[in-house]
Amino acid sequence: MQTRIGLAFAAVLIAVTALSSPHVAPAAHAAGAAAAGQDSSTLDDQVDLAVTVYNSDIALVRDVRDLQLPRGAFDLRFMDIAATVNPATVHFRSLTEPSRVNVLEQNYEYDLLEPDKLLRKYVGRDVTLVRRRSENGQTREEDVKARLLSYNNAPVWQIGGEIVTGLSADHIKFPELPGNLYTHPTLIWTLDNAGAVRHRVEASYLASKLSWSADYVLTVGREDKAADLDGWVTLGNASGTSFRNAKLQLVAGDLNRVREVMSKAMNDEVRRAPASAGGAVMAQEPFSDYHLYTLGRKTTINNSETKQVSMLTGTGVPIRKRYVVDGQAFYYRNGQHPGSPIKDVVQVYYQFKNEERGGLGMPMPAGVVRVYQADSKGGTQFVGEDRITHTPKDEALNLKIGNAFDVTCERNQIDFEKIASNIYELEYEITLRNHKAAPITVEVNEPIGGTWKMVRSSHEWNKTAAWVAAFTVPVAPDGTVVLKYRVRVTY
């Protein structure tokens, strides 16, 4: 029975919205109220909107509307706001006469109109149950007047002089909309207007479930020498409302630090015009210890939408392909197959610098870089992806796209000798094979514990850290190179 009643509530909402109520004012009422001042505001009054989204699932909304406000004390219902608004962060002021309009009280109404809530509000009141009956091949509707006595697990009705449960209805008619249910989340201010009737007002607040992330596409040329980079902002809106024709700004920075500067952002940043930017890409500027990105045009962010906006482009960015072998501290011998070498993976990286002369130079927010490359037929294929952190200008980026197929590495410890009670000599042999048709250079990074000294090495090396020796080994096409080194270690 509950299921049938629940299904019928959808029809109730259509009927209820047509009823006159203090929350859904018809056009004639709105026109009449304009002369004396309005008691409610919707998106029709909006003249400007700015949204600043932080990469921490929060946004700052600045909503500017033109209103006619009655003189004296009155209540103003400010509707069409984000359902995820934080009421403690709301700020209201008149831009026309800031000192003449004062906020006496603020309420946030979020008891929204739903079929189940509507029925519960009618406990102790009369409604009309509509039941469909089939007679002689025809269907007719029968109205039953009933009083809802209780609605806990199921409704209990009083019909005439009888108490009825388990009664099924196709839909229910309600005479009016209760005064404490709202069709949208609504801010209600008690205002005192000692100034003019016409005002341009501003409401700013923080709302959750608005977030953004950066996504990048790196398209590498066939020769692995240059690439094109496109940066996109992926913006998600689950705030419960749409932001149409809004100025969009984004703040990139650490979540905890962003919270520390949030109040400053509300009081200062959103009240000045954003920096201008041309075209589809974004302009950026330093903001506190973070970076502020401004879209050079207005955009609409619909509710339950994922939107992508172009952020940056770079053409002909110089890149370098790297082959890297990272040794591990436990590589002393092959415990499973004594005498056999240990196979190492050869990692593949693309490296480039975020600099102006390379066509970039804008601070890059953290995000995922997806790498594509042209094939021999002129098509473009996906070759890997990697995540980057916030990257300032003039910093290098290293993107790992995977492990090499045609380049192999085998490691073997060929000697172990105890020189004294705490002094040892170890010798390693690392075999690199290149099955590609082009020459490559492999970077081999070897961890060495304790106090160590290189005794001899077949290739040049550098001490890149306290416990690391790095070798650069060129390998010819279809060639094999053996790297040998011996170290003396004191523990």
Protein backbone atom coordinates (compact mmCIF):
# COMPACT_ATOMS: atom_id res chain seq x y z
CA MET A 1 0.00 0.00 0.00
CA GLN A 2 2.85 2.37 0.84
CA THR A 3 4.38 1.75 -2.57
CA ARG A 4 1.22 2.73 -4.40
CA ILE A 5 0.85 5.88 -2.31
CA GLY A 6 4.52 6.73 -2.82
CA LEU A 7 4.21 6.38 -6.58
CA ALA A 8 1.21 8.67 -6.58
CA PHE A 9 3.02 11.53 -4.85
CA ALA A 10 4.66 12.65 -8.09
CA ALA A 11 1.29 13.73 -9.39
CA VAL A 12 0.71 15.64 -6.16
CA LEU A 13 3.70 17.89 -6.72
CA ILE A 14 2.31 19.08 -10.05
CA ALA A 15 -0.94 20.07 -8.44
CA VAL A 16 0.70 21.69 -5.41
CA THR A 17 3.02 23.96 -7.36
CA ALA A 18 0.03 25.49 -9.08
CA LEU A 19 -1.50 26.48 -5.73
CA SER A 20 -0.89 29.94 -4.34
CA SER A 21 1.58 29.96 -1.48
CA PRO A 22 4.01 32.40 0.14
CA HIS A 23 6.94 30.52 -1.48
CA VAL A 24 5.75 30.10 -5.06
CA ALA A 25 4.46 33.53 -6.04
CA PRO A 26 2.59 33.92 -9.36
CA ALA A 27 3.71 36.58 -11.80
CA ALA A 28 0.81 38.90 -10.99
CA HIS A 29 1.68 38.89 -7.31
CA ALA A 30 5.35 39.62 -8.07
CA ALA A 31 4.41 42.58 -10.25
CA GLY A 32 2.15 44.00 -7.57
CA ALA A 33 4.78 43.60 -4.88
CA ALA A 34 7.38 45.47 -6.90
CA ALA A 35 5.87 48.84 -6.09
CA ALA A 36 6.13 48.41 -2.32
CA GLY A 37 9.18 46.16 -2.41
CA GLN A 38 9.65 42.45 -2.82
CA ASP A 39 9.80 39.82 -0.12
CA SER A 40 11.52 37.13 -2.19
CA SER A 41 14.30 36.92 -4.77
CA THR A 42 15.06 34.35 -7.47
CA LEU A 43 17.55 33.99 -10.30
CA ASP A 44 15.43 36.43 -12.33
CA ASP A 45 16.90 39.21 -10.16
CA GLN A 46 20.50 38.12 -10.67
CA VAL A 47 22.78 40.56 -12.52
CA ASP A 48 26.22 39.15 -11.73
CA LEU A 49 27.65 35.86 -10.48
CA ALA A 50 31.19 34.84 -9.63
CA VAL A 51 32.31 31.38 -8.52
CA THR A 52 35.78 30.65 -7.10
CA VAL A 53 36.39 26.91 -6.84
CA TYR A 54 39.14 25.45 -4.67
CA ASN A 55 40.66 22.05 -5.36
CA SER A 56 39.37 20.88 -1.98
CA ASP A 57 35.67 20.26 -2.69
CA ILE A 58 34.56 23.79 -1.78
CA ALA A 59 33.67 26.98 -3.63
CA LEU A 60 33.10 30.63 -2.86
CA VAL A 61 29.94 32.01 -4.52
CA ARG A 62 29.32 35.75 -5.02
CA ASP A 63 25.71 36.41 -6.10
CA VAL A 64 24.69 39.98 -7.05
CA ARG A 65 21.01 40.85 -7.57
CA ASP A 66 18.89 43.96 -8.22
CA LEU A 67 16.02 44.16 -5.71
CA GLN A 68 13.27 46.49 -4.56
CA LEU A 69 13.31 46.44 -0.77
CA PRO A 70 10.51 47.80 1.45
CA ARG A 71 11.50 50.46 3.96
CA GLY A 72 11.67 49.44 7.57
CA ALA A 73 11.96 45.91 8.94
CA PHE A 74 10.87 42.98 6.74
CA ASP A 75 11.79 39.41 5.77
CA LEU A 76 13.53 38.66 2.46
CA ARG A 77 13.59 35.13 1.07
CA PHE A 78 16.76 34.69 -0.99
CA MET A 79 16.18 31.61 -3.16
CA ASP A 80 18.06 29.66 -5.84
CA ILE A 81 21.18 29.19 -3.78
CA ALA A 82 23.42 26.12 -3.55
CA ALA A 83 21.86 23.34 -1.50
CA THR A 84 25.28 22.71 0.07
CA VAL A 85 25.70 26.27 1.40
CA ASN A 86 27.43 26.64 4.76
CA PRO A 87 25.11 29.08 6.58
CA ALA A 88 27.89 30.24 8.91
CA THR A 89 29.80 31.68 5.95
CA VAL A 90 26.96 33.75 4.43
CA HIS A 91 27.61 37.48 4.00
CA PHE A 92 24.91 39.92 2.83
CA ARG A 93 25.24 43.60 2.06
CA SER A 94 23.77 46.35 -0.09
CA LEU A 95 26.19 47.60 -2.72
CA THR A 96 24.03 50.68 -3.28
CA GLU A 97 23.82 51.91 0.33
CA PRO A 98 25.85 49.59 2.57
CA SER A 99 25.25 51.61 5.73
CA ARG A 100 21.47 51.91 5.22
CA VAL A 101 20.53 48.22 5.04
CA ASN A 102 21.23 46.10 8.10
CA VAL A 103 20.76 42.37 8.68
CA LEU A 104 18.86 41.77 11.91
CA GLU A 105 18.49 38.00 11.65
CA GLN A 106 19.31 35.16 9.28
CA ASN A 107 17.70 31.73 8.84
CA TYR A 108 18.55 28.91 6.47
CA GLU A 109 15.53 26.84 5.44
CA TYR A 110 16.43 23.44 4.08
CA ASP A 111 13.28 21.44 4.89
CA LEU A 112 12.59 20.84 1.20
CA LEU A 113 9.37 19.74 -0.42
CA GLU A 114 9.26 15.96 -0.85
CA PRO A 115 6.24 13.63 -1.11
CA ASP A 116 6.99 11.88 2.18
CA LYS A 117 7.58 15.14 4.06
CA LEU A 118 4.44 16.66 2.57
CA LEU A 119 2.32 13.78 3.84
CA ARG A 120 3.85 13.97 7.32
CA LYS A 121 3.06 17.70 7.49
CA TYR A 122 -0.62 16.82 7.01
CA VAL A 123 -0.95 14.66 10.13
CA GLY A 124 -4.18 15.84 11.79
CA ARG A 125 -5.45 17.49 8.59
CA ASP A 126 -7.82 16.52 5.79
CA VAL A 127 -6.77 15.40 2.30
CA THR A 128 -8.49 13.83 -0.68
CA LEU A 129 -7.59 10.25 -1.62
CA VAL A 130 -8.18 9.52 -5.28
CA ARG A 131 -8.88 5.88 -6.22
CA ARG A 132 -9.38 4.53 -9.75
CA ARG A 133 -12.14 1.98 -10.30
CA SER A 134 -12.85 -0.10 -13.39
CA GLU A 135 -16.51 -0.75 -14.23
CA ASN A 136 -17.86 -2.15 -17.45
CA GLY A 137 -14.51 -1.72 -19.19
CA GLN A 138 -14.22 1.94 -18.15
CA THR A 139 -12.01 3.58 -15.54
CA ARG A 140 -13.30 6.35 -13.32
CA GLU A 141 -11.84 8.22 -10.38
CA GLU A 142 -13.43 8.26 -6.95
CA ASP A 143 -12.58 10.97 -4.40
CA VAL A 144 -12.50 9.98 -0.74
CA LYS A 145 -12.22 12.66 1.94
CA ALA A 146 -9.93 11.45 4.73
CA ARG A 147 -8.10 12.79 7.77
CA LEU A 148 -4.54 11.59 8.34
CA LEU A 149 -4.37 10.59 12.00
CA SER A 150 -0.86 9.17 12.02
CA TYR A 151 2.01 8.42 9.65
CA ASN A 152 4.71 6.32 11.26
CA ASN A 153 5.35 3.02 9.52
CA ALA A 154 2.18 3.50 7.44
CA PRO A 155 -0.65 6.05 7.25
CA VAL A 156 -3.69 5.73 9.53
CA TRP A 157 -6.82 7.39 8.12
CA GLN A 158 -10.14 8.51 9.58
CA ILE A 159 -12.86 8.21 6.95
CA GLY A 160 -16.27 9.15 8.21
CA GLY A 161 -16.56 7.58 11.63
CA GLU A 162 -14.10 4.75 10.92
CA ILE A 163 -10.36 4.29 11.44
CA VAL A 164 -8.79 2.79 8.30
CA THR A 165 -5.37 1.31 7.59
CA GLY A 166 -4.04 -0.45 4.52
CA LEU A 167 -6.06 1.76 2.18
CA SER A 168 -4.52 2.08 -1.28
CA ALA A 169 -4.78 5.30 -3.27
CA ASP A 170 -3.65 6.14 -6.78
CA HIS A 171 -2.80 9.69 -5.75
CA ILE A 172 -3.53 12.24 -3.03
CA LYS A 173 -4.76 15.82 -3.33
CA PHE A 174 -3.60 18.41 -0.80
CA PRO A 175 -5.45 21.71 -0.40
CA GLU A 176 -2.31 23.85 0.00
CA LEU A 177 1.42 23.81 0.51
CA PRO A 178 2.46 23.95 4.18
CA GLY A 179 4.23 27.14 5.15
CA ASN A 180 7.31 25.36 6.53
CA LEU A 181 8.21 23.45 3.35
CA TYR A 182 10.27 25.01 0.59
CA THR A 183 10.73 24.02 -3.03
CA HIS A 184 14.41 25.10 -2.94
CA PRO A 185 16.97 25.79 -0.21
CA THR A 186 16.28 29.36 0.93
CA LEU A 187 18.08 31.97 2.99
CA ILE A 188 15.71 34.21 4.94
CA TRP A 189 17.02 37.53 6.20
CA THR A 190 15.21 39.94 8.50
CA LEU A 191 16.42 43.27 7.12
CA ASP A 192 16.05 46.88 8.18
CA ASN A 193 16.09 49.23 5.19
CA ALA A 194 16.54 52.91 6.09
CA GLY A 195 17.50 53.90 2.57
CA ALA A 196 16.10 53.86 -0.96
CA VAL A 197 13.78 51.21 -2.36
CA ARG A 198 15.99 50.03 -5.22
CA HIS A 199 19.20 48.26 -4.19
CA ARG A 200 21.88 46.19 -5.76
CA VAL A 201 22.75 43.58 -3.13
CA GLU A 202 25.51 41.00 -2.82
CA ALA A 203 25.34 37.64 -1.08
CA SER A 204 28.51 35.56 -0.78
CA TYR A 205 28.86 32.14 0.81
CA LEU A 206 30.87 28.93 0.81
CA ALA A 207 29.33 25.80 -0.69
CA SER A 208 30.60 22.24 -0.79
CA LYS A 209 30.44 19.58 -3.52
CA LEU A 210 32.06 21.89 -6.05
CA SER A 211 35.51 20.73 -7.05
CA TRP A 212 38.01 20.86 -9.87
CA SER A 213 41.07 19.02 -11.03
CA ALA A 214 43.59 19.51 -13.80
CA ASP A 215 43.96 17.09 -16.70
CA TYR A 216 46.65 17.30 -19.35
CA VAL A 217 47.17 15.76 -22.79
CA LEU A 218 50.76 15.46 -24.02
CA THR A 219 51.01 14.54 -27.71
CA VAL A 220 54.55 13.43 -28.54
CA GLY A 221 56.00 13.58 -32.02
CA ARG A 222 57.18 10.50 -33.83
CA GLU A 223 60.86 11.33 -33.21
CA ASP A 224 60.52 11.84 -29.43
CA LYS A 225 61.98 15.34 -29.69
CA ALA A 226 58.99 17.68 -29.26
CA ALA A 227 55.42 17.52 -28.03
CA ASP A 228 52.22 19.55 -27.75
CA LEU A 229 50.64 20.00 -24.32
CA ASP A 230 47.00 20.87 -23.64
CA GLY A 231 45.81 21.55 -20.10
CA TRP A 232 42.16 21.22 -19.11
CA VAL A 233 40.22 22.05 -15.98
CA THR A 234 37.70 19.34 -15.10
CA LEU A 235 35.00 20.96 -12.97
CA GLY A 236 32.33 18.99 -11.08
CA ASN A 237 29.15 20.51 -9.66
CA ALA A 238 26.98 18.53 -7.24
CA SER A 239 25.93 21.53 -5.15
CA GLY A 240 22.22 21.27 -5.97
CA THR A 241 22.03 24.39 -8.11
CA SER A 242 23.28 25.67 -11.46
CA PHE A 243 25.51 28.69 -11.88
CA ARG A 244 24.66 30.34 -15.17
CA ASN A 245 26.75 32.94 -16.94
CA ALA A 246 29.27 33.04 -14.08
CA LYS A 247 32.75 34.43 -13.77
CA LEU A 248 34.88 31.38 -13.02
CA GLN A 249 38.07 31.42 -10.95
CA LEU A 250 40.08 28.50 -9.59
CA VAL A 251 42.52 28.37 -6.69
CA ALA A 252 45.31 25.78 -6.71
CA GLY A 253 47.02 25.00 -3.42
CA ASP A 254 47.22 22.71 -0.44
CA LEU A 255 43.85 22.02 1.19
CA ASN A 256 44.82 23.00 4.75
CA ARG A 257 46.45 26.24 3.66
CA VAL A 258 43.48 27.15 1.48
CA ARG A 259 41.24 26.95 4.55
CA GLU A 260 43.55 29.34 6.37
CA VAL A 261 43.15 32.02 3.70
CA MET A 262 39.47 31.39 2.99
CA SER A 263 38.19 34.27 5.13
CA LYS A 264 40.58 36.64 3.40
CA ALA A 265 39.31 35.41 0.06
CA MET A 266 35.71 36.19 1.08
CA ASN A 267 36.49 39.66 2.38
CA ASP A 268 38.89 40.84 -0.30
CA GLU A 269 39.38 38.67 -3.33
CA VAL A 270 35.82 38.22 -4.59
CA ARG A 271 34.98 41.91 -4.41
CA ARG A 272 37.42 43.02 -7.02
CA ALA A 273 37.14 42.34 -10.71
CA PRO A 274 39.08 39.28 -11.89
CA ALA A 275 42.11 39.73 -14.08
CA SER A 276 41.22 39.85 -17.74
CA ALA A 277 42.14 36.98 -19.98
CA GLY A 278 41.67 36.57 -23.68
CA GLY A 279 40.59 33.52 -25.62
CA ALA A 280 39.67 30.21 -24.10
CA VAL A 281 42.80 29.73 -21.98
CA MET A 282 43.08 30.94 -18.41
CA ALA A 283 45.12 33.78 -16.96
CA GLN A 284 46.93 33.08 -13.71
CA GLU A 285 48.26 35.24 -10.92
CA PRO A 286 49.88 34.60 -7.53
CA PHE A 287 47.33 34.51 -4.71
CA SER A 288 48.75 34.37 -1.18
CA ASP A 289 50.94 31.22 -1.33
CA TYR A 290 48.86 29.72 -4.13
CA HIS A 291 47.81 30.47 -7.67
CA LEU A 292 44.55 31.94 -8.93
CA TYR A 293 43.35 30.97 -12.42
CA THR A 294 40.73 33.13 -14.15
CA LEU A 295 38.69 32.13 -17.18
CA GLY A 296 38.59 35.02 -19.65
CA ARG A 297 34.89 34.62 -20.40
CA LYS A 298 31.73 33.75 -18.50
CA THR A 299 30.48 30.18 -18.42
CA THR A 300 27.53 28.16 -17.14
CA ILE A 301 28.08 25.36 -14.61
CA ASN A 302 24.98 23.18 -14.50
CA ASN A 303 24.06 21.07 -11.51
CA SER A 304 25.12 17.39 -11.74
CA GLU A 305 27.51 18.30 -14.56
CA THR A 306 31.16 17.68 -15.30
CA LYS A 307 32.57 20.52 -17.39
CA GLN A 308 35.97 20.86 -19.03
CA VAL A 309 37.53 24.26 -19.72
CA SER A 310 40.77 24.91 -21.56
CA MET A 311 43.51 26.14 -19.21
CA LEU A 312 46.80 26.19 -21.15
CA THR A 313 48.37 25.15 -24.44
CA GLY A 314 51.98 24.57 -25.44
CA THR A 315 53.23 23.78 -28.96
CA GLY A 316 56.59 22.31 -29.88
CA VAL A 317 57.65 21.72 -26.27
CA PRO A 318 61.16 20.18 -26.23
CA ILE A 319 61.12 16.77 -24.53
CA ARG A 320 63.62 14.04 -23.73
CA LYS A 321 62.93 10.33 -23.54
CA ARG A 322 64.65 8.58 -20.66
CA TYR A 323 65.31 4.89 -19.94
CA VAL A 324 65.91 4.30 -16.23
CA VAL A 325 66.94 1.28 -14.15
CA ASP A 326 66.61 1.66 -10.40
CA GLY A 327 68.48 -0.91 -8.35
CA GLN A 328 67.17 -2.08 -4.97
CA ALA A 329 68.96 -2.55 -1.66
CA PHE A 330 68.08 -6.27 -1.46
CA TYR A 331 69.83 -7.11 -4.76
CA TYR A 332 72.71 -9.20 -3.38
CA ARG A 333 71.98 -12.60 -4.87
CA ASN A 334 69.22 -14.57 -6.55
CA GLY A 335 67.81 -16.71 -3.74
CA GLN A 336 65.37 -18.60 -5.97
CA HIS A 337 67.78 -19.48 -8.78
CA PRO A 338 71.37 -19.39 -7.54
CA GLY A 339 73.80 -18.43 -10.26
CA SER A 340 71.10 -16.84 -12.47
CA PRO A 341 70.91 -13.05 -12.93
CA ILE A 342 67.99 -11.02 -11.60
CA LYS A 343 65.86 -9.34 -14.26
CA ASP A 344 65.17 -5.63 -13.75
CA VAL A 345 62.53 -3.55 -15.51
CA VAL A 346 63.65 -0.64 -17.65
CA GLN A 347 61.34 2.30 -16.93
CA VAL A 348 60.44 4.82 -19.63
CA TYR A 349 60.04 8.53 -18.86
CA TYR A 350 59.34 11.69 -20.82
CA GLN A 351 60.99 14.77 -19.37
CA PHE A 352 60.30 18.41 -20.20
CA LYS A 353 60.57 21.78 -18.48
CA ASN A 354 57.72 24.14 -17.65
CA GLU A 355 59.34 27.23 -19.15
CA GLU A 356 58.30 30.05 -21.45
CA ARG A 357 60.84 29.35 -24.16
CA GLY A 358 59.34 25.88 -24.42
CA GLY A 359 55.88 27.32 -24.99
CA LEU A 360 54.71 26.90 -21.37
CA GLY A 361 55.69 28.87 -18.24
CA MET A 362 52.31 28.89 -16.44
CA PRO A 363 52.25 27.25 -12.98
CA MET A 364 50.64 23.85 -13.54
CA PRO A 365 48.17 22.57 -10.91
CA ALA A 366 48.43 18.95 -9.82
CA GLY A 367 46.68 16.50 -12.10
CA VAL A 368 46.99 13.58 -14.48
CA VAL A 369 49.00 13.82 -17.70
CA ARG A 370 47.92 11.41 -20.43
CA VAL A 371 50.51 10.82 -23.13
CA TYR A 372 49.77 10.08 -26.79
CA GLN A 373 52.13 9.54 -29.71
CA ALA A 374 51.82 9.38 -33.47
CA ASP A 375 52.22 5.95 -35.09
CA SER A 376 53.68 5.10 -38.51
CA LYS A 377 50.24 5.29 -40.17
CA GLY A 378 49.57 8.86 -39.04
CA GLY A 379 47.28 7.88 -36.19
CA THR A 380 47.68 8.80 -32.52
CA GLN A 381 47.91 6.13 -29.84
CA PHE A 382 47.74 6.26 -26.04
CA VAL A 383 51.14 5.32 -24.53
CA GLY A 384 50.70 5.93 -20.80
CA GLU A 385 49.86 8.39 -18.05
CA ASP A 386 51.28 9.78 -14.85
CA ARG A 387 50.23 12.13 -12.05
CA ILE A 388 52.08 15.38 -11.39
CA THR A 389 52.12 17.57 -8.29
CA HIS A 390 51.71 21.38 -8.32
CA THR A 391 54.54 22.46 -10.61
CA PRO A 392 55.80 26.08 -10.65
CA LYS A 393 57.24 27.64 -13.77
CA ASP A 394 60.81 26.68 -14.74
CA GLU A 395 60.54 23.32 -12.95
CA ALA A 396 61.12 20.01 -14.74
CA LEU A 397 58.48 17.32 -15.07
CA ASN A 398 59.23 13.60 -15.38
CA LEU A 399 56.37 11.44 -16.60
CA LYS A 400 56.63 7.69 -16.27
CA ILE A 401 54.66 6.12 -19.11
CA GLY A 402 55.53 2.46 -18.48
CA ASN A 403 58.29 -0.14 -18.88
CA ALA A 404 60.29 -0.72 -22.04
CA PHE A 405 59.40 -3.77 -24.16
CA ASP A 406 62.56 -3.94 -26.29
CA VAL A 407 65.13 -2.95 -23.67
CA THR A 408 66.12 -5.51 -21.03
CA CYS A 409 68.30 -5.47 -17.95
CA GLU A 410 69.90 -8.36 -16.03
CA ARG A 411 71.80 -7.94 -12.77
CA ASN A 412 74.27 -10.38 -11.24
CA GLN A 413 76.46 -10.12 -8.17
CA ILE A 414 79.67 -11.77 -9.32
CA ASP A 415 81.86 -11.35 -6.23
CA PHE A 416 81.66 -10.88 -2.45
CA GLU A 417 84.85 -10.59 -0.40
CA LYS A 418 85.39 -9.85 3.30
CA ILE A 419 88.45 -7.62 3.64
CA ALA A 420 88.32 -7.03 7.42
CA SER A 421 85.85 -7.47 10.29
CA ASN A 422 83.55 -4.74 8.97
CA ILE A 423 84.92 -4.11 5.46
CA TYR A 424 83.59 -5.87 2.36
CA GLU A 425 84.05 -5.64 -1.38
CA LEU A 426 81.15 -6.36 -3.73
CA GLU A 427 81.20 -6.58 -7.50
CA TYR A 428 78.18 -6.37 -9.81
CA GLU A 429 77.59 -7.03 -13.48
CA ILE A 430 74.58 -5.38 -15.18
CA THR A 431 73.80 -6.45 -18.74
CA LEU A 432 71.73 -4.08 -20.91
CA ARG A 433 70.29 -5.20 -24.27
CA ASN A 434 68.71 -2.86 -26.79
CA HIS A 435 66.49 -4.58 -29.37
CA LYS A 436 65.29 -1.29 -30.87
CA ALA A 437 66.39 0.07 -34.25
CA ALA A 438 67.72 3.28 -32.69
CA PRO A 439 70.47 3.92 -30.14
CA ILE A 440 69.45 4.68 -26.57
CA THR A 441 71.03 5.76 -23.30
CA VAL A 442 70.12 3.97 -20.07
CA GLU A 443 70.42 5.62 -16.67
CA VAL A 444 71.36 3.07 -13.99
CA ASN A 445 70.91 4.11 -10.37
CA GLU A 446 72.63 1.81 -7.86
CA PRO A 447 71.94 1.99 -4.10
CA ILE A 448 75.01 1.28 -1.96
CA GLY A 449 74.75 1.02 1.84
CA GLY A 450 77.26 1.96 4.51
CA THR A 451 80.42 3.98 3.96
CA TRP A 452 81.49 3.11 0.46
CA LYS A 453 84.17 3.77 -2.12
CA MET A 454 84.14 2.86 -5.80
CA VAL A 455 87.09 0.54 -6.49
CA ARG A 456 86.65 0.34 -10.25
CA SER A 457 83.94 0.80 -12.86
CA SER A 458 83.61 0.08 -16.58
CA HIS A 459 81.61 3.31 -17.12
CA GLU A 460 81.67 6.84 -15.78
CA TRP A 461 79.60 7.40 -12.67
CA ASN A 462 78.38 10.16 -10.35
CA LYS A 463 77.58 10.14 -6.66
CA THR A 464 74.08 11.62 -6.90
CA ALA A 465 73.24 11.03 -3.22
CA ALA A 466 74.93 9.70 -0.09
CA TRP A 467 74.07 6.09 -0.95
CA VAL A 468 73.62 6.21 -4.72
CA ALA A 469 75.98 5.79 -7.67
CA ALA A 470 74.47 6.77 -11.05
CA PHE A 471 75.79 5.47 -14.38
CA THR A 472 74.94 6.68 -17.90
CA VAL A 473 75.26 3.80 -20.34
CA PRO A 474 74.82 4.24 -24.12
CA VAL A 475 73.57 1.14 -25.97
CA ALA A 476 73.74 0.78 -29.75
CA PRO A 477 70.82 -0.53 -31.90
CA ASP A 478 70.49 -4.28 -31.43
CA GLY A 479 73.47 -3.97 -29.09
CA THR A 480 74.49 -5.31 -25.69
CA VAL A 481 76.52 -3.49 -23.05
CA VAL A 482 77.80 -4.91 -19.76
CA LEU A 483 78.24 -2.48 -16.88
CA LYS A 484 80.69 -3.72 -14.21
CA TYR A 485 81.57 -1.99 -10.97
CA ARG A 486 83.25 -2.96 -7.68
CA VAL A 487 82.71 -1.13 -4.39
CA ARG A 488 84.36 -1.33 -0.97
CA VAL A 489 81.83 -0.95 1.85
CA THR A 490 82.47 -0.31 5.53
CA TYR A 491 79.62 -1.06 7.95
